[in-house]
Protein backbone atom coordinates (compact mmCIF):
# COMPACT_ATOMS: atom_id res chain seq x y z
CA MET A 1 7.87 19.09 -25.75
CA ASN A 2 6.34 15.84 -24.86
CA PRO A 3 2.73 16.23 -23.42
CA ILE A 4 3.23 13.27 -21.08
CA LEU A 5 5.25 14.08 -18.00
CA ASN A 6 7.98 11.79 -16.65
CA GLN A 7 6.09 11.79 -13.25
CA ILE A 8 3.93 9.14 -11.57
CA GLY A 9 0.80 10.64 -10.08
CA THR A 10 -0.70 7.86 -8.25
CA ILE A 11 -1.03 3.96 -8.02
CA PHE A 12 -4.44 2.37 -7.88
CA ILE A 13 -4.75 -0.51 -5.56
CA PRO A 14 -7.62 -3.03 -6.00
CA VAL A 15 -9.56 -3.72 -2.75
CA SER A 16 -12.59 -5.88 -2.06
CA ASN A 17 -14.11 -3.56 0.68
CA ILE A 18 -13.32 0.14 0.54
CA GLU A 19 -14.25 0.73 4.19
CA LYS A 20 -12.18 -1.96 5.57
CA ALA A 21 -9.24 -1.18 3.17
CA ARG A 22 -9.42 2.53 4.21
CA LYS A 23 -9.05 1.44 7.83
CA TRP A 24 -6.32 -1.07 7.25
CA TYR A 25 -4.08 1.22 5.21
CA CYS A 26 -4.69 4.16 7.47
CA ASP A 27 -3.87 2.09 10.61
CA LEU A 28 -0.70 0.71 8.81
CA LEU A 29 0.45 4.25 8.09
CA GLY A 30 -0.56 5.85 11.27
CA LEU A 31 -3.14 8.17 9.53
CA ALA A 32 -6.56 9.23 10.79
CA VAL A 33 -9.41 7.15 9.33
CA ASP A 34 -11.49 10.15 8.64
CA GLY A 35 -11.10 10.71 4.89
CA GLU A 36 -14.05 10.70 2.55
CA ILE A 37 -14.82 7.65 0.31
CA LEU A 38 -15.65 9.00 -3.16
CA TYR A 39 -18.31 7.79 -5.41
CA GLY A 40 -18.69 4.74 -3.19
CA HIS A 41 -15.47 2.99 -4.29
CA LEU A 42 -12.49 5.23 -4.09
CA TYR A 43 -10.27 6.42 -1.22
CA ILE A 44 -7.28 8.67 -1.60
CA VAL A 45 -4.64 7.70 0.97
CA PRO A 46 -2.90 10.96 2.30
CA MET A 47 0.65 10.38 1.17
CA ASN A 48 3.80 12.32 0.87
CA GLY A 49 5.01 11.91 -2.66
CA ILE A 50 3.35 9.47 -5.14
CA GLY A 51 -0.31 8.98 -4.26
CA ILE A 52 -2.20 5.83 -3.55
CA VAL A 53 -5.87 5.31 -4.43
CA LEU A 54 -7.71 2.33 -2.99
CA ASP A 55 -10.44 1.29 -5.46
CA SER A 56 -13.05 -1.33 -4.92
CA LYS A 57 -14.40 -0.93 -8.33
CA ILE A 58 -11.50 -2.49 -10.01
CA TYR A 59 -11.07 -5.38 -7.49
CA SER A 60 -11.03 -8.93 -8.74
CA GLU A 61 -8.71 -11.77 -7.74
CA GLU A 62 -7.06 -11.49 -11.15
CA ASN A 63 -6.16 -7.86 -10.35
CA ILE A 64 -4.48 -8.08 -7.09
CA PHE A 65 -0.78 -7.31 -7.21
CA LYS A 66 1.14 -10.65 -7.36
CA THR A 67 4.40 -8.79 -7.00
CA PRO A 68 4.96 -5.33 -5.43
CA VAL A 69 4.49 -2.45 -7.91
CA PHE A 70 5.94 0.20 -5.44
CA HIS A 71 7.48 0.29 -1.98
CA PHE A 72 6.81 2.20 1.19
CA ASN A 73 9.97 3.98 2.43
CA SER A 74 11.57 3.36 5.83
CA ASN A 75 14.57 4.89 7.73
CA ASN A 76 14.81 1.61 9.81
CA ILE A 77 14.09 -1.57 8.04
CA GLU A 78 14.39 -3.74 11.18
CA GLU A 79 11.85 -1.58 13.04
CA ALA A 80 9.56 -1.48 10.16
CA TYR A 81 9.75 -5.33 9.80
CA GLU A 82 8.85 -5.79 13.56
CA TYR A 83 6.11 -3.33 13.24
CA ILE A 84 4.42 -5.24 10.38
CA LYS A 85 5.09 -8.60 12.15
CA GLY A 86 3.58 -7.19 15.40
CA ARG A 87 0.42 -6.22 13.54
CA LYS A 88 -0.02 -9.96 12.45
CA VAL A 89 0.30 -8.92 8.67
CA GLU A 90 1.18 -11.79 6.44
CA LEU A 91 4.82 -11.42 5.71
CA THR A 92 6.04 -13.06 2.40
CA THR A 93 9.73 -12.58 2.89
CA GLU A 94 12.19 -11.92 5.65
CA ILE A 95 14.36 -8.87 5.51
CA MET A 96 16.47 -9.34 2.37
CA HIS A 97 19.93 -7.98 1.95
CA ASN A 98 19.28 -5.80 5.02
CA HIS A 99 17.31 -3.63 2.66
CA TRP A 100 13.77 -4.82 1.94
CA PHE A 101 10.86 -7.16 2.83
CA ASN A 102 7.46 -7.96 1.39
CA PHE A 103 3.99 -8.55 2.95
CA LYS A 104 0.36 -8.73 1.88
CA ASP A 105 -2.59 -6.53 2.52
CA PRO A 106 -5.94 -8.27 3.68
CA ASP A 107 -6.96 -8.67 -0.05
CA GLY A 108 -3.65 -10.38 -0.97
CA ASN A 109 -2.06 -7.52 -2.76
CA HIS A 110 1.87 -7.91 -2.42
CA LEU A 111 3.55 -4.75 -0.96
CA MET A 112 7.13 -3.83 -0.07
CA VAL A 113 8.93 -1.78 2.39
CA CYS A 114 12.37 -0.69 1.52
CA LYS A 115 15.15 1.25 3.49
CA CYS A 116 15.93 4.56 2.01
């Protein structure tokens, strides 16, 4: 038996300001902005499935995601696109192949939404 499971537990996202990042990600996902910031630099975003941890301790311009390393799921890609666009978030693609699009968080991390 292999001691390393074929599961992904969480993804760490480098952010410059943990309080601002917590607010931005919680607002984006429609979550309450009341979770605790741990050790002054970590915030665990309440997710269904694979976890996201925002971490200001690992932030540097070299560490930001230059390409998406995961995607947020959506049942309606057009509605998701208009939602992101309406929030004045920087979009980096249009909807591609009627299936996905990319955008950036305030620190410049590239993120993706994909129709499931």
